[in-house]
């Protein structure tokens, strides 16, 4: 039982560190065409749904401009892997990805932008 507790605590710490790395706004990435976001998400809450907002931003001299945004909801204690289309037919340019918690706390990890 003690070994299980230590493993459970280590997994929670690992998921927390991973979510910190992917939360916030990414560095600029050169993209074009159709852009999707593939990620795994975990809702640690026992009580309610959690949701995240995923926004693709175009980097411009006057500031970042949103070009696509999606909300995703995760049920209590659920872990899920998803691939969401953020934008289609993007011109070649630099873009950033912003992931924010909208409701509750959702940990995002194993994430990647996919250019198709």
PDB file of N, CA and C in Angstrom:
ATOM      1  N   UNK A   1       0.826  -1.194   0.000  1.00  0.00           N
ATOM      2  CA  UNK A   1       0.000   0.000   0.000  1.00  0.00           C
ATOM      3  C   UNK A   1       0.866   1.253   0.000  1.00  0.00           C
ATOM      4  N   UNK A   2       1.970   1.218   0.776  1.00  0.00           N
ATOM      5  CA  UNK A   2       2.842   2.375   0.844  1.00  0.00           C
ATOM      6  C   UNK A   2       3.486   2.645  -0.517  1.00  0.00           C
ATOM      7  N   UNK A   3       3.868   1.563  -1.217  1.00  0.00           N
ATOM      8  CA  UNK A   3       4.482   1.702  -2.545  1.00  0.00           C
ATOM      9  C   UNK A   3       3.486   2.345  -3.518  1.00  0.00           C
ATOM     10  N   UNK A   4       2.212   1.937  -3.442  1.00  0.00           N
ATOM     11  CA  UNK A   4       1.183   2.509  -4.305  1.00  0.00           C
ATOM     12  C   UNK A   4       1.022   4.006  -4.037  1.00  0.00           C
ATOM     13  N   UNK A   5       1.043   4.414  -2.778  1.00  0.00           N
ATOM     14  CA  UNK A   5       0.903   5.828  -2.415  1.00  0.00           C
ATOM     15  C   UNK A   5       2.047   6.655  -2.983  1.00  0.00           C
ATOM     16  N   UNK A   6       3.263   6.137  -2.882  1.00  0.00           N
ATOM     17  CA  UNK A   6       4.427   6.855  -3.409  1.00  0.00           C
ATOM     18  C   UNK A   6       4.311   6.991  -4.926  1.00  0.00           C
ATOM     19  N   UNK A   7       3.897   5.929  -5.606  1.00  0.00           N
ATOM     20  CA  UNK A   7       3.737   5.978  -7.062  1.00  0.00           C
ATOM     21  C   UNK A   7       2.644   6.972  -7.436  1.00  0.00           C
ATOM     22  N   UNK A   8       1.533   6.968  -6.704  1.00  0.00           N
ATOM     23  CA  UNK A   8       0.437   7.899  -6.994  1.00  0.00           C
ATOM     24  C   UNK A   8       0.892   9.345  -6.824  1.00  0.00           C
ATOM     25  N   UNK A   9       1.630   9.634  -5.762  1.00  0.00           N
ATOM     26  CA  UNK A   9       2.131  10.993  -5.528  1.00  0.00           C
ATOM     27  C   UNK A   9       3.093  11.399  -6.635  1.00  0.00           C
ATOM     28  N   UNK A  10       3.971  10.487  -7.060  1.00  0.00           N
ATOM     29  CA  UNK A  10       4.926  10.781  -8.142  1.00  0.00           C
ATOM     30  C   UNK A  10       4.183  11.092  -9.444  1.00  0.00           C
ATOM     31  N   UNK A  11       3.128  10.329  -9.754  1.00  0.00           N
ATOM     32  CA  UNK A  11       2.361  10.575 -10.982  1.00  0.00           C
ATOM     33  C   UNK A  11       1.672  11.935 -10.924  1.00  0.00           C
ATOM     34  N   UNK A  12       1.101  12.277  -9.779  1.00  0.00           N
ATOM     35  CA  UNK A  12       0.450  13.583  -9.636  1.00  0.00           C
ATOM     36  C   UNK A  12       1.461  14.704  -9.823  1.00  0.00           C
ATOM     37  N   UNK A  13       2.645  14.558  -9.233  1.00  0.00           N
ATOM     38  CA  UNK A  13       3.686  15.574  -9.392  1.00  0.00           C
ATOM     39  C   UNK A  13       4.108  15.679 -10.847  1.00  0.00           C
ATOM     40  N   UNK A  14       4.263  14.554 -11.530  1.00  0.00           N
ATOM     41  CA  UNK A  14       4.658  14.557 -12.936  1.00  0.00           C
ATOM     42  C   UNK A  14       3.617  15.249 -13.795  1.00  0.00           C
ATOM     43  N   UNK A  15       2.342  14.934 -13.569  1.00  0.00           N
ATOM     44  CA  UNK A  15       1.272  15.578 -14.333  1.00  0.00           C
ATOM     45  C   UNK A  15       1.227  17.070 -14.054  1.00  0.00           C
ATOM     46  N   UNK A  16       1.447  17.469 -12.806  1.00  0.00           N
ATOM     47  CA  UNK A  16       1.447  18.894 -12.467  1.00  0.00           C
ATOM     48  C   UNK A  16       2.580  19.622 -13.162  1.00  0.00           C
ATOM     49  N   UNK A  17       3.771  19.046 -13.166  1.00  0.00           N
ATOM     50  CA  UNK A  17       4.904  19.680 -13.840  1.00  0.00           C
ATOM     51  C   UNK A  17       4.684  19.751 -15.337  1.00  0.00           C
ATOM     52  N   UNK A  18       4.097  18.715 -15.927  1.00  0.00           N
ATOM     53  CA  UNK A  18       3.838  18.715 -17.362  1.00  0.00           C
ATOM     54  C   UNK A  18       2.839  19.790 -17.725  1.00  0.00           C
ATOM     55  N   UNK A  19       1.802  19.960 -16.911  1.00  0.00           N
ATOM     56  CA  UNK A  19       0.788  20.955 -17.232  1.00  0.00           C
ATOM     57  C   UNK A  19       1.336  22.369 -17.115  1.00  0.00           C
ATOM     58  N   UNK A  20       2.259  22.595 -16.187  1.00  0.00           N
ATOM     59  CA  UNK A  20       2.865  23.918 -16.068  1.00  0.00           C
ATOM     60  C   UNK A  20       3.635  24.245 -17.339  1.00  0.00           C
ATOM     61  N   UNK A  21       4.303  23.253 -17.911  1.00  0.00           N
ATOM     62  CA  UNK A  21       5.095  23.471 -19.119  1.00  0.00           C
ATOM     63  C   UNK A  21       4.210  23.836 -20.305  1.00  0.00           C
ATOM     64  N   UNK A  22       2.992  23.290 -20.375  1.00  0.00           N
ATOM     65  CA  UNK A  22       2.158  23.540 -21.545  1.00  0.00           C
ATOM     66  C   UNK A  22       1.133  24.650 -21.329  1.00  0.00           C
ATOM     67  N   UNK A  23       0.930  25.085 -20.092  1.00  0.00           N
ATOM     68  CA  UNK A  23      -0.021  26.151 -19.829  1.00  0.00           C
ATOM     69  C   UNK A  23       0.595  27.491 -20.210  1.00  0.00           C
ATOM     70  N   UNK A  24      -0.247  28.439 -20.559  1.00  0.00           N
ATOM     71  CA  UNK A  24       0.251  29.754 -20.936  1.00  0.00           C
ATOM     72  C   UNK A  24       0.346  29.886 -22.440  1.00  0.00           C
ATOM     73  N   UNK A  25       1.332  30.665 -22.896  1.00  0.00           N
ATOM     74  CA  UNK A  25       1.494  30.939 -24.323  1.00  0.00           C
ATOM     75  C   UNK A  25       2.843  30.413 -24.799  1.00  0.00           C
ATOM     76  N   UNK A  26       2.829  29.747 -25.950  1.00  0.00           N
ATOM     77  CA  UNK A  26       4.051  29.163 -26.501  1.00  0.00           C
ATOM     78  C   UNK A  26       4.932  30.225 -27.157  1.00  0.00           C
ATOM     79  N   UNK A  27       6.117  29.828 -27.517  1.00  0.00           N
ATOM     80  CA  UNK A  27       6.995  30.663 -28.337  1.00  0.00           C
ATOM     81  C   UNK A  27       6.442  30.687 -29.752  1.00  0.00           C
ATOM     82  N   UNK A  28       6.816  31.684 -30.575  1.00  0.00           N
ATOM     83  CA  UNK A  28       6.347  31.712 -31.960  1.00  0.00           C
ATOM     84  C   UNK A  28       6.814  30.484 -32.741  1.00  0.00           C
ATOM     85  N   UNK A  29       5.893  29.955 -33.560  1.00  0.00           N
ATOM     86  CA  UNK A  29       6.148  28.769 -34.379  1.00  0.00           C
ATOM     87  C   UNK A  29       5.733  29.094 -35.806  1.00  0.00           C
ATOM     88  N   UNK A  30       6.560  28.737 -36.787  1.00  0.00           N
ATOM     89  CA  UNK A  30       6.249  29.003 -38.189  1.00  0.00           C
ATOM     90  C   UNK A  30       5.302  27.918 -38.692  1.00  0.00           C
ATOM     91  N   UNK A  31       4.095  28.315 -39.127  1.00  0.00           N
ATOM     92  CA  UNK A  31       3.061  27.376 -39.541  1.00  0.00           C
ATOM     93  C   UNK A  31       2.358  27.866 -40.796  1.00  0.00           C
ATOM     94  N   UNK A  32       1.667  26.935 -41.451  1.00  0.00           N
ATOM     95  CA  UNK A  32       0.779  27.280 -42.567  1.00  0.00           C
ATOM     96  C   UNK A  32      -0.196  26.134 -42.769  1.00  0.00           C
ATOM     97  N   UNK A  33      -1.246  26.385 -43.555  1.00  0.00           N
ATOM     98  CA  UNK A  33      -2.225  25.338 -43.867  1.00  0.00           C
ATOM     99  C   UNK A  33      -3.208  25.112 -42.735  1.00  0.00           C
ATOM    100  N   UNK A  34      -3.575  23.851 -42.549  1.00  0.00           N
ATOM    101  CA  UNK A  34      -4.504  23.471 -41.479  1.00  0.00           C
ATOM    102  C   UNK A  34      -3.700  23.152 -40.220  1.00  0.00           C
ATOM    103  N   UNK A  35      -4.111  23.721 -39.101  1.00  0.00           N
ATOM    104  CA  UNK A  35      -3.375  23.535 -37.853  1.00  0.00           C
ATOM    105  C   UNK A  35      -4.308  22.935 -36.801  1.00  0.00           C
ATOM    106  N   UNK A  36      -3.873  21.805 -36.242  1.00  0.00           N
ATOM    107  CA  UNK A  36      -4.616  21.126 -35.177  1.00  0.00           C
ATOM    108  C   UNK A  36      -3.762  21.080 -33.923  1.00  0.00           C
ATOM    109  N   UNK A  37      -4.429  20.857 -32.810  1.00  0.00           N
ATOM    110  CA  UNK A  37      -3.750  20.726 -31.517  1.00  0.00           C
ATOM    111  C   UNK A  37      -4.120  19.378 -30.932  1.00  0.00           C
ATOM    112  N   UNK A  38      -3.125  18.530 -30.724  1.00  0.00           N
ATOM    113  CA  UNK A  38      -3.333  17.222 -30.114  1.00  0.00           C
ATOM    114  C   UNK A  38      -2.791  17.278 -28.694  1.00  0.00           C
ATOM    115  N   UNK A  39      -3.602  16.817 -27.740  1.00  0.00           N
ATOM    116  CA  UNK A  39      -3.211  16.933 -26.336  1.00  0.00           C
ATOM    117  C   UNK A  39      -3.915  15.874 -25.506  1.00  0.00           C
ATOM    118  N   UNK A  40      -3.382  15.663 -24.321  1.00  0.00           N
ATOM    119  CA  UNK A  40      -4.048  14.869 -23.291  1.00  0.00           C
ATOM    120  C   UNK A  40      -4.401  15.829 -22.170  1.00  0.00           C
ATOM    121  N   UNK A  41      -5.542  15.599 -21.544  1.00  0.00           N
ATOM    122  CA  UNK A  41      -5.993  16.478 -20.473  1.00  0.00           C
ATOM    123  C   UNK A  41      -6.559  15.647 -19.333  1.00  0.00           C
ATOM    124  N   UNK A  42      -6.379  16.159 -18.118  1.00  0.00           N
ATOM    125  CA  UNK A  42      -6.867  15.485 -16.920  1.00  0.00           C
ATOM    126  C   UNK A  42      -7.561  16.501 -16.029  1.00  0.00           C
ATOM    127  N   UNK A  43      -8.750  16.151 -15.559  1.00  0.00           N
ATOM    128  CA  UNK A  43      -9.486  16.991 -14.618  1.00  0.00           C
ATOM    129  C   UNK A  43      -9.384  16.347 -13.238  1.00  0.00           C
ATOM    130  N   UNK A  44      -8.610  16.940 -12.312  1.00  0.00           N
ATOM    131  CA  UNK A  44      -8.413  16.334 -10.997  1.00  0.00           C
ATOM    132  C   UNK A  44      -9.583  16.544 -10.026  1.00  0.00           C
ATOM    133  N   UNK A  45     -10.589  17.279 -10.434  1.00  0.00           N
ATOM    134  CA  UNK A  45     -11.706  17.595  -9.542  1.00  0.00           C
ATOM    135  C   UNK A  45     -12.646  16.400  -9.375  1.00  0.00           C
ATOM    136  N   UNK A  46     -13.124  16.219  -8.151  1.00  0.00           N
ATOM    137  CA  UNK A  46     -14.135  15.202  -7.874  1.00  0.00           C
ATOM    138  C   UNK A  46     -15.531  15.749  -8.152  1.00  0.00           C
ATOM    139  N   UNK A  47     -15.674  17.076  -8.117  1.00  0.00           N
ATOM    140  CA  UNK A  47     -16.994  17.698  -8.067  1.00  0.00           C
ATOM    141  C   UNK A  47     -17.566  18.176  -9.391  1.00  0.00           C
ATOM    142  N   UNK A  48     -16.747  18.708 -10.272  1.00  0.00           N
ATOM    143  CA  UNK A  48     -17.343  19.323 -11.444  1.00  0.00           C
ATOM    144  C   UNK A  48     -16.478  19.278 -12.679  1.00  0.00           C
ATOM    145  N   UNK A  49     -17.093  19.618 -13.772  1.00  0.00           N
ATOM    146  CA  UNK A  49     -16.408  19.679 -15.049  1.00  0.00           C
ATOM    147  C   UNK A  49     -15.369  20.802 -15.032  1.00  0.00           C
ATOM    148  N   UNK A  50     -14.341  20.623 -15.816  1.00  0.00           N
ATOM    149  CA  UNK A  50     -13.346  21.669 -16.026  1.00  0.00           C
ATOM    150  C   UNK A  50     -13.236  21.923 -17.512  1.00  0.00           C
ATOM    151  N   UNK A  51     -12.868  23.118 -17.903  1.00  0.00           N
ATOM    152  CA  UNK A  51     -12.719  23.377 -19.335  1.00  0.00           C
ATOM    153  C   UNK A  51     -11.508  24.258 -19.585  1.00  0.00           C
ATOM    154  N   UNK A  52     -10.971  24.093 -20.785  1.00  0.00           N
ATOM    155  CA  UNK A  52      -9.839  24.897 -21.220  1.00  0.00           C
ATOM    156  C   UNK A  52     -10.206  25.605 -22.510  1.00  0.00           C
ATOM    157  N   UNK A  53      -9.549  26.732 -22.731  1.00  0.00           N
ATOM    158  CA  UNK A  53      -9.675  27.450 -23.996  1.00  0.00           C
ATOM    159  C   UNK A  53      -8.324  27.351 -24.689  1.00  0.00           C
ATOM    160  N   UNK A  54      -8.350  26.933 -25.949  1.00  0.00           N
ATOM    161  CA  UNK A  54      -7.146  26.789 -26.753  1.00  0.00           C
ATOM    162  C   UNK A  54      -7.257  27.799 -27.887  1.00  0.00           C
ATOM    163  N   UNK A  55      -6.293  28.719 -27.955  1.00  0.00           N
ATOM    164  CA  UNK A  55      -6.349  29.798 -28.941  1.00  0.00           C
ATOM    165  C   UNK A  55      -5.069  29.817 -29.760  1.00  0.00           C
ATOM    166  N   UNK A  56      -5.219  29.897 -31.071  1.00  0.00           N
ATOM    167  CA  UNK A  56      -4.082  30.072 -31.969  1.00  0.00           C
ATOM    168  C   UNK A  56      -3.989  31.551 -32.308  1.00  0.00           C
ATOM    169  N   UNK A  57      -2.814  32.140 -32.089  1.00  0.00           N
ATOM    170  CA  UNK A  57      -2.600  33.578 -32.280  1.00  0.00           C
ATOM    171  C   UNK A  57      -1.590  33.816 -33.398  1.00  0.00           C
ATOM    172  N   UNK A  58      -1.884  34.746 -34.289  1.00  0.00           N
ATOM    173  CA  UNK A  58      -0.920  35.150 -35.319  1.00  0.00           C
ATOM    174  C   UNK A  58      -0.060  36.271 -34.749  1.00  0.00           C
ATOM    175  N   UNK A  59       1.257  36.131 -34.879  1.00  0.00           N
ATOM    176  CA  UNK A  59       2.188  37.132 -34.365  1.00  0.00           C
ATOM    177  C   UNK A  59       2.295  38.254 -35.394  1.00  0.00           C
ATOM    178  N   UNK A  60       1.973  39.485 -34.968  1.00  0.00           N
ATOM    179  CA  UNK A  60       2.079  40.652 -35.849  1.00  0.00           C
ATOM    180  C   UNK A  60       2.881  41.733 -35.128  1.00  0.00           C
ATOM    181  N   UNK A  61       3.377  42.734 -35.876  1.00  0.00           N
ATOM    182  CA  UNK A  61       4.115  43.832 -35.228  1.00  0.00           C
ATOM    183  C   UNK A  61       3.267  44.617 -34.222  1.00  0.00           C
ATOM    184  N   UNK A  62       1.941  44.606 -34.410  1.00  0.00           N
ATOM    185  CA  UNK A  62       1.039  45.340 -33.510  1.00  0.00           C
ATOM    186  C   UNK A  62       0.488  44.487 -32.379  1.00  0.00           C
ATOM    187  N   UNK A  63       0.976  43.267 -32.240  1.00  0.00           N
ATOM    188  CA  UNK A  63       0.488  42.372 -31.180  1.00  0.00           C
ATOM    189  C   UNK A  63      -0.082  41.097 -31.757  1.00  0.00           C
ATOM    190  N   UNK A  64      -0.359  40.154 -30.893  1.00  0.00           N
ATOM    191  CA  UNK A  64      -0.884  38.862 -31.310  1.00  0.00           C
ATOM    192  C   UNK A  64      -2.378  38.958 -31.624  1.00  0.00           C
ATOM    193  N   UNK A  65      -2.779  38.341 -32.758  1.00  0.00           N
ATOM    194  CA  UNK A  65      -4.161  38.389 -33.220  1.00  0.00           C
ATOM    195  C   UNK A  65      -4.732  36.974 -33.227  1.00  0.00           C
ATOM    196  N   UNK A  66      -5.866  36.729 -32.539  1.00  0.00           N
ATOM    197  CA  UNK A  66      -6.462  35.397 -32.550  1.00  0.00           C
ATOM    198  C   UNK A  66      -6.952  35.013 -33.948  1.00  0.00           C
ATOM    199  N   UNK A  67      -6.634  33.782 -34.373  1.00  0.00           N
ATOM    200  CA  UNK A  67      -7.110  33.287 -35.672  1.00  0.00           C
ATOM    201  C   UNK A  67      -7.986  32.051 -35.516  1.00  0.00           C
ATOM    202  N   UNK A  68      -7.986  31.444 -34.360  1.00  0.00           N
ATOM    203  CA  UNK A  68      -8.821  30.277 -34.103  1.00  0.00           C
ATOM    204  C   UNK A  68      -8.839  29.972 -32.629  1.00  0.00           C
ATOM    205  N   UNK A  69      -9.998  29.532 -32.131  1.00  0.00           N
ATOM    206  CA  UNK A  69     -10.118  29.252 -30.705  1.00  0.00           C
ATOM    207  C   UNK A  69     -11.118  28.116 -30.509  1.00  0.00           C
ATOM    208  N   UNK A  70     -10.842  27.265 -29.540  1.00  0.00           N
ATOM    209  CA  UNK A  70     -11.741  26.156 -29.203  1.00  0.00           C
ATOM    210  C   UNK A  70     -11.799  26.007 -27.688  1.00  0.00           C
ATOM    211  N   UNK A  71     -12.972  25.632 -27.209  1.00  0.00           N
ATOM    212  CA  UNK A  71     -13.148  25.269 -25.804  1.00  0.00           C
ATOM    213  C   UNK A  71     -13.274  23.753 -25.731  1.00  0.00           C
ATOM    214  N   UNK A  72     -12.761  23.193 -24.655  1.00  0.00           N
ATOM    215  CA  UNK A  72     -12.876  21.755 -24.470  1.00  0.00           C
ATOM    216  C   UNK A  72     -13.185  21.481 -23.006  1.00  0.00           C
ATOM    217  N   UNK A  73     -14.174  20.644 -22.750  1.00  0.00           N
ATOM    218  CA  UNK A  73     -14.610  20.326 -21.393  1.00  0.00           C
ATOM    219  C   UNK A  73     -14.177  18.909 -21.031  1.00  0.00           C
ATOM    220  N   UNK A  74     -13.730  18.758 -19.778  1.00  0.00           N
ATOM    221  CA  UNK A  74     -13.295  17.461 -19.271  1.00  0.00           C
ATOM    222  C   UNK A  74     -14.122  17.140 -18.025  1.00  0.00           C
ATOM    223  N   UNK A  75     -14.716  15.952 -18.007  1.00  0.00           N
ATOM    224  CA  UNK A  75     -15.534  15.524 -16.867  1.00  0.00           C
ATOM    225  C   UNK A  75     -14.665  15.280 -15.628  1.00  0.00           C
ATOM    226  N   UNK A  76     -15.280  15.256 -14.443  1.00  0.00           N
ATOM    227  CA  UNK A  76     -14.533  15.021 -13.212  1.00  0.00           C
ATOM    228  C   UNK A  76     -13.722  13.722 -13.260  1.00  0.00           C
ATOM    229  N   UNK A  77     -12.472  13.789 -12.850  1.00  0.00           N
ATOM    230  CA  UNK A  77     -11.540  12.664 -12.769  1.00  0.00           C
ATOM    231  C   UNK A  77     -11.305  11.962 -14.109  1.00  0.00           C
ATOM    232  N   UNK A  78     -11.606  12.627 -15.212  1.00  0.00           N
ATOM    233  CA  UNK A  78     -11.427  12.039 -16.537  1.00  0.00           C
ATOM    234  C   UNK A  78     -10.065  12.419 -17.118  1.00  0.00           C
ATOM    235  N   UNK A  79      -9.460  11.471 -17.816  1.00  0.00           N
ATOM    236  CA  UNK A  79      -8.287  11.727 -18.633  1.00  0.00           C
ATOM    237  C   UNK A  79      -8.682  11.425 -20.065  1.00  0.00           C
ATOM    238  N   UNK A  80      -8.362  12.331 -20.971  1.00  0.00           N
ATOM    239  CA  UNK A  80      -8.750  12.155 -22.364  1.00  0.00           C
ATOM    240  C   UNK A  80      -7.650  12.658 -23.283  1.00  0.00           C
ATOM    241  N   UNK A  81      -7.596  12.111 -24.477  1.00  0.00           N
ATOM    242  CA  UNK A  81      -6.684  12.595 -25.517  1.00  0.00           C
ATOM    243  C   UNK A  81      -7.537  13.058 -26.689  1.00  0.00           C
ATOM    244  N   UNK A  82      -7.242  14.249 -27.197  1.00  0.00           N
ATOM    245  CA  UNK A  82      -8.049  14.842 -28.257  1.00  0.00           C
ATOM    246  C   UNK A  82      -7.163  15.467 -29.330  1.00  0.00           C
ATOM    247  N   UNK A  83      -7.730  15.618 -30.511  1.00  0.00           N
ATOM    248  CA  UNK A  83      -7.102  16.374 -31.593  1.00  0.00           C
ATOM    249  C   UNK A  83      -8.168  17.336 -32.107  1.00  0.00           C
ATOM    250  N   UNK A  84      -7.905  18.639 -31.959  1.00  0.00           N
ATOM    251  CA  UNK A  84      -8.872  19.666 -32.347  1.00  0.00           C
ATOM    252  C   UNK A  84      -8.309  20.521 -33.474  1.00  0.00           C
ATOM    253  N   UNK A  85      -9.092  20.741 -34.507  1.00  0.00           N
ATOM    254  CA  UNK A  85      -8.709  21.652 -35.587  1.00  0.00           C
ATOM    255  C   UNK A  85      -8.875  23.078 -35.079  1.00  0.00           C
ATOM    256  N   UNK A  86      -7.793  23.873 -35.119  1.00  0.00           N
ATOM    257  CA  UNK A  86      -7.848  25.257 -34.647  1.00  0.00           C
ATOM    258  C   UNK A  86      -8.084  26.254 -35.777  1.00  0.00           C
ATOM    259  N   UNK A  87      -7.511  25.984 -36.952  1.00  0.00           N
ATOM    260  CA  UNK A  87      -7.663  26.913 -38.080  1.00  0.00           C
ATOM    261  C   UNK A  87      -7.354  26.181 -39.387  1.00  0.00           C
ATOM    262  N   UNK A  88      -7.966  26.659 -40.469  1.00  0.00           N
ATOM    263  CA  UNK A  88      -7.759  26.070 -41.800  1.00  0.00           C
ATOM    264  C   UNK A  88      -7.201  27.119 -42.753  1.00  0.00           C
ATOM    265  N   UNK A  89      -6.419  26.659 -43.716  1.00  0.00           N
ATOM    266  CA  UNK A  89      -5.884  27.508 -44.789  1.00  0.00           C
ATOM    267  C   UNK A  89      -5.142  28.738 -44.271  1.00  0.00           C
ATOM    268  N   UNK A  90      -4.317  28.555 -43.265  1.00  0.00           N
ATOM    269  CA  UNK A  90      -3.539  29.674 -42.734  1.00  0.00           C
ATOM    270  C   UNK A  90      -2.412  30.053 -43.687  1.00  0.00           C
ATOM    271  N   UNK A  91      -2.172  31.350 -43.879  1.00  0.00           N
ATOM    272  CA  UNK A  91      -0.998  31.755 -44.657  1.00  0.00           C
ATOM    273  C   UNK A  91       0.269  31.475 -43.845  1.00  0.00           C
ATOM    274  N   UNK A  92       1.371  31.220 -44.524  1.00  0.00           N
ATOM    275  CA  UNK A  92       2.639  30.950 -43.833  1.00  0.00           C
ATOM    276  C   UNK A  92       3.047  32.171 -43.014  1.00  0.00           C
ATOM    277  N   UNK A  93       3.231  31.963 -41.728  1.00  0.00           N
ATOM    278  CA  UNK A  93       3.603  33.056 -40.823  1.00  0.00           C
ATOM    279  C   UNK A  93       3.935  32.457 -39.464  1.00  0.00           C
ATOM    280  N   UNK A  94       4.252  33.329 -38.509  1.00  0.00           N
ATOM    281  CA  UNK A  94       4.532  32.888 -37.150  1.00  0.00           C
ATOM    282  C   UNK A  94       3.257  32.958 -36.318  1.00  0.00           C
ATOM    283  N   UNK A  95       3.039  31.898 -35.536  1.00  0.00           N
ATOM    284  CA  UNK A  95       1.857  31.778 -34.699  1.00  0.00           C
ATOM    285  C   UNK A  95       2.270  31.329 -33.301  1.00  0.00           C
ATOM    286  N   UNK A  96       1.407  31.639 -32.328  1.00  0.00           N
ATOM    287  CA  UNK A  96       1.592  31.178 -30.953  1.00  0.00           C
ATOM    288  C   UNK A  96       0.347  30.407 -30.536  1.00  0.00           C
ATOM    289  N   UNK A  97       0.517  29.527 -29.581  1.00  0.00           N
ATOM    290  CA  UNK A  97      -0.595  28.784 -29.014  1.00  0.00           C
ATOM    291  C   UNK A  97      -0.766  29.208 -27.560  1.00  0.00           C
ATOM    292  N   UNK A  98      -2.011  29.514 -27.174  1.00  0.00           N
ATOM    293  CA  UNK A  98      -2.300  29.887 -25.786  1.00  0.00           C
ATOM    294  C   UNK A  98      -3.324  28.899 -25.224  1.00  0.00           C
ATOM    295  N   UNK A  99      -3.003  28.306 -24.083  1.00  0.00           N
ATOM    296  CA  UNK A  99      -3.906  27.381 -23.395  1.00  0.00           C
ATOM    297  C   UNK A  99      -4.220  27.974 -22.028  1.00  0.00           C
ATOM    298  N   UNK A 100      -5.515  28.172 -21.747  1.00  0.00           N
ATOM    299  CA  UNK A 100      -5.925  28.739 -20.462  1.00  0.00           C
ATOM    300  C   UNK A 100      -7.073  27.920 -19.882  1.00  0.00           C
ATOM    301  N   UNK A 101      -7.127  27.843 -18.562  1.00  0.00           N
ATOM    302  CA  UNK A 101      -8.252  27.207 -17.878  1.00  0.00           C
ATOM    303  C   UNK A 101      -9.413  28.179 -17.871  1.00  0.00           C
ATOM    304  N   UNK A 102     -10.579  27.722 -18.329  1.00  0.00           N
ATOM    305  CA  UNK A 102     -11.777  28.560 -18.326  1.00  0.00           C
ATOM    306  C   UNK A 102     -12.609  28.314 -17.080  1.00  0.00           C
ATOM    307  N   UNK A 103     -12.825  27.039 -16.778  1.00  0.00           N
ATOM    308  CA  UNK A 103     -13.615  26.646 -15.617  1.00  0.00           C
ATOM    309  C   UNK A 103     -12.847  25.554 -14.891  1.00  0.00           C
ATOM    310  N   UNK A 104     -12.695  25.709 -13.587  1.00  0.00           N
ATOM    311  CA  UNK A 104     -11.995  24.689 -12.811  1.00  0.00           C
ATOM    312  C   UNK A 104     -10.529  24.596 -13.191  1.00  0.00           C
ATOM    313  N   UNK A 105      -9.959  23.426 -12.928  1.00  0.00           N
ATOM    314  CA  UNK A 105      -8.558  23.187 -13.251  1.00  0.00           C
ATOM    315  C   UNK A 105      -8.461  21.954 -14.129  1.00  0.00           C
ATOM    316  N   UNK A 106      -7.857  22.123 -15.290  1.00  0.00           N
ATOM    317  CA  UNK A 106      -7.599  21.003 -16.190  1.00  0.00           C
ATOM    318  C   UNK A 106      -6.108  21.010 -16.476  1.00  0.00           C
ATOM    319  N   UNK A 107      -5.464  19.877 -16.250  1.00  0.00           N
ATOM    320  CA  UNK A 107      -4.039  19.748 -16.538  1.00  0.00           C
ATOM    321  C   UNK A 107      -3.865  19.253 -17.965  1.00  0.00           C
ATOM    322  N   UNK A 108      -3.085  19.981 -18.756  1.00  0.00           N
ATOM    323  CA  UNK A 108      -2.824  19.617 -20.148  1.00  0.00           C
ATOM    324  C   UNK A 108      -1.385  19.144 -20.255  1.00  0.00           C
ATOM    325  N   UNK A 109      -1.189  18.007 -20.917  1.00  0.00           N
ATOM    326  CA  UNK A 109       0.162  17.466 -21.094  1.00  0.00           C
ATOM    327  C   UNK A 109       0.215  16.677 -22.394  1.00  0.00           C
ATOM    328  N   UNK A 110       1.391  16.253 -22.784  1.00  0.00           N
ATOM    329  CA  UNK A 110       1.604  15.518 -24.033  1.00  0.00           C
ATOM    330  C   UNK A 110       0.977  16.266 -25.205  1.00  0.00           C
ATOM    331  N   UNK A 111       1.266  17.548 -25.284  1.00  0.00           N
ATOM    332  CA  UNK A 111       0.618  18.360 -26.315  1.00  0.00           C
ATOM    333  C   UNK A 111       1.548  18.597 -27.506  1.00  0.00           C
ATOM    334  N   UNK A 112       0.927  18.818 -28.681  1.00  0.00           N
ATOM    335  CA  UNK A 112       1.687  19.153 -29.880  1.00  0.00           C
ATOM    336  C   UNK A 112       0.792  19.842 -30.904  1.00  0.00           C
ATOM    337  N   UNK A 113       1.374  20.791 -31.635  1.00  0.00           N
ATOM    338  CA  UNK A 113       0.686  21.407 -32.755  1.00  0.00           C
ATOM    339  C   UNK A 113       0.967  20.562 -33.995  1.00  0.00           C
ATOM    340  N   UNK A 114      -0.053  20.354 -34.803  1.00  0.00           N
ATOM    341  CA  UNK A 114       0.088  19.537 -36.007  1.00  0.00           C
ATOM    342  C   UNK A 114      -0.281  20.396 -37.211  1.00  0.00           C
ATOM    343  N   UNK A 115       0.637  20.477 -38.152  1.00  0.00           N
ATOM    344  CA  UNK A 115       0.407  21.223 -39.398  1.00  0.00           C
ATOM    345  C   UNK A 115       0.099  20.207 -40.482  1.00  0.00           C
ATOM    346  N   UNK A 116      -1.069  20.354 -41.122  1.00  0.00           N
ATOM    347  CA  UNK A 116      -1.487  19.391 -42.154  1.00  0.00           C
ATOM    348  C   UNK A 116      -1.648  20.066 -43.492  1.00  0.00           C
TER     349      UNK A 116
END
